[in-house]
Amino acid sequence: MDEWLTRARDALASETGVDRTALDLSAQDSDILLDLARIAAHASGERTNAPLLCYLVGRAQGEQSLDELAETLRRLRS
């Protein structure tokens, strides 16, 4: 993660009591989220849907992996 995102992660961890490492983004996670943001912006024609979709994915993530959720969303554009 870059410096700004690391500071944002640390602030969120401090405020919520969540372990910082639980909020780390791997390179693969970053790539998936950026791809989903791209899909949302292009498929909907609204760039503002990109961060909102990523937020929804974060809210939905529980028992399913980010890969599984991303695959569900990729099927929607087909």
C-alpha atoms as a PDB file:
ATOM      1  CA  MET A   1       0.000   0.000   0.000  1.00  0.00           C
ATOM      2  CA  ASP A   2       1.158   3.528  -0.606  1.00  0.00           C
ATOM      3  CA  GLU A   3       1.890   5.998   2.179  1.00  0.00           C
ATOM      4  CA  TRP A   4      -1.495   7.760   2.121  1.00  0.00           C
ATOM      5  CA  LEU A   5      -3.456   4.506   2.139  1.00  0.00           C
ATOM      6  CA  THR A   6      -1.289   3.159   4.957  1.00  0.00           C
ATOM      7  CA  ARG A   7      -2.054   6.255   7.054  1.00  0.00           C
ATOM      8  CA  ALA A   8      -5.777   5.872   6.299  1.00  0.00           C
ATOM      9  CA  ARG A   9      -5.625   2.204   7.298  1.00  0.00           C
ATOM     10  CA  ASP A  10      -3.863   3.071  10.544  1.00  0.00           C
ATOM     11  CA  ALA A  11      -6.411   5.777  11.372  1.00  0.00           C
ATOM     12  CA  LEU A  12      -9.304   3.399  10.759  1.00  0.00           C
ATOM     13  CA  ALA A  13      -7.671   0.694  12.834  1.00  0.00           C
ATOM     14  CA  SER A  14      -7.075   3.113  15.687  1.00  0.00           C
ATOM     15  CA  GLU A  15     -10.612   4.480  15.597  1.00  0.00           C
ATOM     16  CA  THR A  16     -12.329   1.090  15.365  1.00  0.00           C
ATOM     17  CA  GLY A  17     -10.011  -1.093  17.404  1.00  0.00           C
ATOM     18  CA  VAL A  18      -9.543  -3.403  14.404  1.00  0.00           C
ATOM     19  CA  ASP A  19      -6.065  -4.897  14.058  1.00  0.00           C
ATOM     20  CA  ARG A  20      -4.158  -3.032  11.339  1.00  0.00           C
ATOM     21  CA  THR A  21      -3.137  -6.246   9.647  1.00  0.00           C
ATOM     22  CA  ALA A  22      -6.816  -7.139   9.152  1.00  0.00           C
ATOM     23  CA  LEU A  23      -7.100  -4.026   6.979  1.00  0.00           C
ATOM     24  CA  ASP A  24      -4.053  -4.691   4.808  1.00  0.00           C
ATOM     25  CA  LEU A  25      -4.626  -4.894   1.074  1.00  0.00           C
ATOM     26  CA  SER A  26      -2.537  -7.361  -0.859  1.00  0.00           C
ATOM     27  CA  ALA A  27      -1.476  -6.528  -4.392  1.00  0.00           C
ATOM     28  CA  GLN A  28      -4.040  -9.068  -5.610  1.00  0.00           C
ATOM     29  CA  ASP A  29      -6.836  -7.489  -3.525  1.00  0.00           C
ATOM     30  CA  SER A  30      -5.908  -4.064  -4.866  1.00  0.00           C
ATOM     31  CA  ASP A  31      -5.998  -5.355  -8.436  1.00  0.00           C
ATOM     32  CA  ILE A  32      -9.416  -6.970  -7.908  1.00  0.00           C
ATOM     33  CA  LEU A  33     -10.914  -3.855  -6.342  1.00  0.00           C
ATOM     34  CA  LEU A  34      -9.520  -1.609  -9.064  1.00  0.00           C
ATOM     35  CA  ASP A  35     -10.930  -3.955 -11.699  1.00  0.00           C
ATOM     36  CA  LEU A  36     -14.345  -3.890 -10.020  1.00  0.00           C
ATOM     37  CA  ALA A  37     -14.197  -0.103  -9.859  1.00  0.00           C
ATOM     38  CA  ARG A  38     -13.400  -0.026 -13.570  1.00  0.00           C
ATOM     39  CA  ILE A  39     -16.299  -2.367 -14.351  1.00  0.00           C
ATOM     40  CA  ALA A  40     -18.712  -0.290 -12.276  1.00  0.00           C
ATOM     41  CA  ALA A  41     -17.689   2.956 -13.938  1.00  0.00           C
ATOM     42  CA  HIS A  42     -17.819   1.576 -17.479  1.00  0.00           C
ATOM     43  CA  ALA A  43     -20.904  -0.630 -17.167  1.00  0.00           C
ATOM     44  CA  SER A  44     -22.993   2.020 -15.447  1.00  0.00           C
ATOM     45  CA  GLY A  45     -21.584   5.067 -17.198  1.00  0.00           C
ATOM     46  CA  GLU A  46     -21.164   6.712 -13.793  1.00  0.00           C
ATOM     47  CA  ARG A  47     -17.701   7.004 -12.241  1.00  0.00           C
ATOM     48  CA  THR A  48     -19.298   7.588  -8.843  1.00  0.00           C
ATOM     49  CA  ASN A  49     -20.504   3.978  -8.856  1.00  0.00           C
ATOM     50  CA  ALA A  50     -16.895   2.726  -8.659  1.00  0.00           C
ATOM     51  CA  PRO A  51     -16.211   3.581  -4.995  1.00  0.00           C
ATOM     52  CA  LEU A  52     -19.775   2.742  -4.037  1.00  0.00           C
ATOM     53  CA  LEU A  53     -19.485  -0.743  -5.512  1.00  0.00           C
ATOM     54  CA  CYS A  54     -16.186  -1.294  -3.681  1.00  0.00           C
ATOM     55  CA  TYR A  55     -17.894  -0.227  -0.467  1.00  0.00           C
ATOM     56  CA  LEU A  56     -20.731  -2.704  -1.084  1.00  0.00           C
ATOM     57  CA  VAL A  57     -18.199  -5.473  -1.707  1.00  0.00           C
ATOM     58  CA  GLY A  58     -16.490  -4.644   1.581  1.00  0.00           C
ATOM     59  CA  ARG A  59     -19.818  -4.733   3.404  1.00  0.00           C
ATOM     60  CA  ALA A  60     -20.749  -8.045   1.770  1.00  0.00           C
ATOM     61  CA  GLN A  61     -17.442  -9.737   2.484  1.00  0.00           C
ATOM     62  CA  GLY A  62     -17.796 -12.224   5.274  1.00  0.00           C
ATOM     63  CA  GLU A  63     -17.768 -15.908   4.518  1.00  0.00           C
ATOM     64  CA  GLN A  64     -17.028 -15.327   0.832  1.00  0.00           C
ATOM     65  CA  SER A  65     -13.640 -14.347  -0.494  1.00  0.00           C
ATOM     66  CA  LEU A  66     -13.025 -11.187  -2.442  1.00  0.00           C
ATOM     67  CA  ASP A  67     -12.404 -13.388  -5.500  1.00  0.00           C
ATOM     68  CA  GLU A  68     -15.844 -15.009  -5.155  1.00  0.00           C
ATOM     69  CA  LEU A  69     -17.616 -11.688  -4.764  1.00  0.00           C
ATOM     70  CA  ALA A  70     -15.734 -10.239  -7.719  1.00  0.00           C
ATOM     71  CA  GLU A  71     -16.704 -13.188  -9.890  1.00  0.00           C
ATOM     72  CA  THR A  72     -20.368 -12.636  -9.012  1.00  0.00           C
ATOM     73  CA  LEU A  73     -20.092  -9.024 -10.132  1.00  0.00           C
ATOM     74  CA  ARG A  74     -18.139  -9.853 -13.262  1.00  0.00           C
ATOM     75  CA  ARG A  75     -20.973 -12.159 -14.336  1.00  0.00           C
ATOM     76  CA  LEU A  76     -23.402  -9.232 -14.104  1.00  0.00           C
ATOM     77  CA  ARG A  77     -21.721  -7.387 -16.942  1.00  0.00           C
ATOM     78  CA  SER A  78     -22.034 -10.393 -19.265  1.00  0.00           C
END
